[in-house]
C-alpha atoms as a PDB file:
ATOM      1  CA  MET A   1       8.254 -19.068 -18.976  1.00  0.00           C
ATOM      2  CA  ASP A   2       9.460 -18.493 -15.415  1.00  0.00           C
ATOM      3  CA  GLN A   3       8.104 -15.437 -13.670  1.00  0.00           C
ATOM      4  CA  LYS A   4      10.588 -13.288 -11.781  1.00  0.00           C
ATOM      5  CA  ILE A   5       9.796 -10.844  -9.029  1.00  0.00           C
ATOM      6  CA  LYS A   6      11.338  -7.481  -9.867  1.00  0.00           C
ATOM      7  CA  GLN A   7      13.049  -6.187  -6.767  1.00  0.00           C
ATOM      8  CA  ASP A   8      12.162  -2.539  -6.420  1.00  0.00           C
ATOM      9  CA  PHE A   9      13.138  -3.126  -2.785  1.00  0.00           C
ATOM     10  CA  CYS A  10      16.123  -5.352  -2.110  1.00  0.00           C
ATOM     11  CA  ILE A  11      15.193  -8.270   0.134  1.00  0.00           C
ATOM     12  CA  GLY A  12      18.794  -9.483   0.202  1.00  0.00           C
ATOM     13  CA  ALA A  13      19.540  -8.041   3.637  1.00  0.00           C
ATOM     14  CA  ASN A  14      16.506  -9.838   5.054  1.00  0.00           C
ATOM     15  CA  LEU A  15      17.582 -13.084   3.380  1.00  0.00           C
ATOM     16  CA  ARG A  16      21.039 -12.673   4.891  1.00  0.00           C
ATOM     17  CA  ALA A  17      19.532 -12.086   8.353  1.00  0.00           C
ATOM     18  CA  LEU A  18      17.298 -15.164   7.994  1.00  0.00           C
ATOM     19  CA  ARG A  19      20.270 -17.250   6.839  1.00  0.00           C
ATOM     20  CA  ILE A  20      22.396 -16.167   9.783  1.00  0.00           C
ATOM     21  CA  LYS A  21      19.503 -16.738  12.211  1.00  0.00           C
ATOM     22  CA  ALA A  22      19.171 -20.269  10.787  1.00  0.00           C
ATOM     23  CA  GLY A  23      22.911 -20.825  11.296  1.00  0.00           C
ATOM     24  CA  LEU A  24      23.511 -21.575   7.611  1.00  0.00           C
ATOM     25  CA  THR A  25      26.306 -20.635   5.245  1.00  0.00           C
ATOM     26  CA  GLN A  26      25.577 -19.432   1.720  1.00  0.00           C
ATOM     27  CA  GLU A  27      26.822 -22.799   0.466  1.00  0.00           C
ATOM     28  CA  GLN A  28      24.407 -24.673   2.734  1.00  0.00           C
ATOM     29  CA  VAL A  29      21.478 -22.540   1.537  1.00  0.00           C
ATOM     30  CA  ALA A  30      22.415 -23.240  -2.086  1.00  0.00           C
ATOM     31  CA  ILE A  31      22.501 -26.987  -1.396  1.00  0.00           C
ATOM     32  CA  LYS A  32      19.107 -26.879   0.322  1.00  0.00           C
ATOM     33  CA  MET A  33      17.685 -24.977  -2.644  1.00  0.00           C
ATOM     34  CA  GLN A  34      19.025 -27.703  -4.949  1.00  0.00           C
ATOM     35  CA  LEU A  35      17.071 -30.242  -2.876  1.00  0.00           C
ATOM     36  CA  PHE A  36      13.948 -28.298  -3.876  1.00  0.00           C
ATOM     37  CA  GLY A  37      14.914 -28.812  -7.524  1.00  0.00           C
ATOM     38  CA  LEU A  38      16.304 -25.316  -8.047  1.00  0.00           C
ATOM     39  CA  ASN A  39      19.607 -24.858  -9.830  1.00  0.00           C
ATOM     40  CA  MET A  40      21.566 -22.688  -7.412  1.00  0.00           C
ATOM     41  CA  SER A  41      25.235 -22.278  -6.521  1.00  0.00           C
ATOM     42  CA  ARG A  42      26.740 -20.342  -3.627  1.00  0.00           C
ATOM     43  CA  ASP A  43      27.791 -17.588  -6.026  1.00  0.00           C
ATOM     44  CA  PHE A  44      24.279 -17.369  -7.441  1.00  0.00           C
ATOM     45  CA  TYR A  45      22.819 -17.144  -3.936  1.00  0.00           C
ATOM     46  CA  ALA A  46      25.305 -14.375  -3.095  1.00  0.00           C
ATOM     47  CA  HIS A  47      23.893 -12.375  -6.025  1.00  0.00           C
ATOM     48  CA  ILE A  48      20.432 -12.731  -4.500  1.00  0.00           C
ATOM     49  CA  GLU A  49      21.637 -11.469  -1.112  1.00  0.00           C
ATOM     50  CA  ASN A  50      23.383  -8.559  -2.833  1.00  0.00           C
ATOM     51  CA  GLY A  51      20.220  -7.651  -4.746  1.00  0.00           C
ATOM     52  CA  THR A  52      21.766  -8.078  -8.185  1.00  0.00           C
ATOM     53  CA  TYR A  53      19.356 -10.839  -9.240  1.00  0.00           C
ATOM     54  CA  ASN A  54      15.559 -10.733  -9.439  1.00  0.00           C
ATOM     55  CA  ILE A  55      14.371 -13.907  -7.769  1.00  0.00           C
ATOM     56  CA  ARG A  56      11.687 -16.211  -9.107  1.00  0.00           C
ATOM     57  CA  ALA A  57       8.500 -16.851  -7.179  1.00  0.00           C
ATOM     58  CA  SER A  58       9.496 -20.536  -6.910  1.00  0.00           C
ATOM     59  CA  GLU A  59      12.740 -19.479  -5.223  1.00  0.00           C
ATOM     60  CA  LEU A  60      10.820 -17.371  -2.719  1.00  0.00           C
ATOM     61  CA  VAL A  61       8.629 -20.375  -1.889  1.00  0.00           C
ATOM     62  CA  ALA A  62      11.731 -22.536  -1.381  1.00  0.00           C
ATOM     63  CA  PHE A  63      13.443 -19.869   0.757  1.00  0.00           C
ATOM     64  CA  ARG A  64      10.383 -19.836   3.003  1.00  0.00           C
ATOM     65  CA  ALA A  65      10.772 -23.584   3.545  1.00  0.00           C
ATOM     66  CA  VAL A  66      14.567 -23.438   3.976  1.00  0.00           C
ATOM     67  CA  PHE A  67      14.415 -20.623   6.542  1.00  0.00           C
ATOM     68  CA  GLN A  68      11.158 -21.871   8.111  1.00  0.00           C
ATOM     69  CA  CYS A  69       9.735 -18.364   8.116  1.00  0.00           C
ATOM     70  CA  ASP A  70       6.701 -16.406   7.000  1.00  0.00           C
ATOM     71  CA  TYR A  71       6.622 -14.506   3.718  1.00  0.00           C
ATOM     72  CA  ALA A  72       6.390 -11.288   5.739  1.00  0.00           C
ATOM     73  CA  ASP A  73       9.914 -11.962   7.060  1.00  0.00           C
ATOM     74  CA  PHE A  74      11.314 -11.299   3.577  1.00  0.00           C
ATOM     75  CA  PHE A  75       9.855  -7.780   3.632  1.00  0.00           C
ATOM     76  CA  VAL A  76      10.730  -6.577   7.132  1.00  0.00           C
ATOM     77  CA  GLY A  77      11.469  -2.849   7.145  1.00  0.00           C
ATOM     78  CA  MET A  78       9.820  -2.179   3.787  1.00  0.00           C
ATOM     79  CA  ASP A  79       6.634  -0.484   4.956  1.00  0.00           C
END
């Protein structure tokens, strides 16, 4: 069973900021996630940025690699 992280705070805005900083489109992020073995489309990624999908821990690990960031970057502004 896959574990999901319930978003009581939406990290979508931080993901969007990291994506833009990396110079990637939503489509490019989805493709990079597929290279990590995760089934993701652009539309699916858009749901994550909008906060309408609770991400899996494995997706968070892959996002860290795609955006070359620290885990703390996902939670900026959520003190």
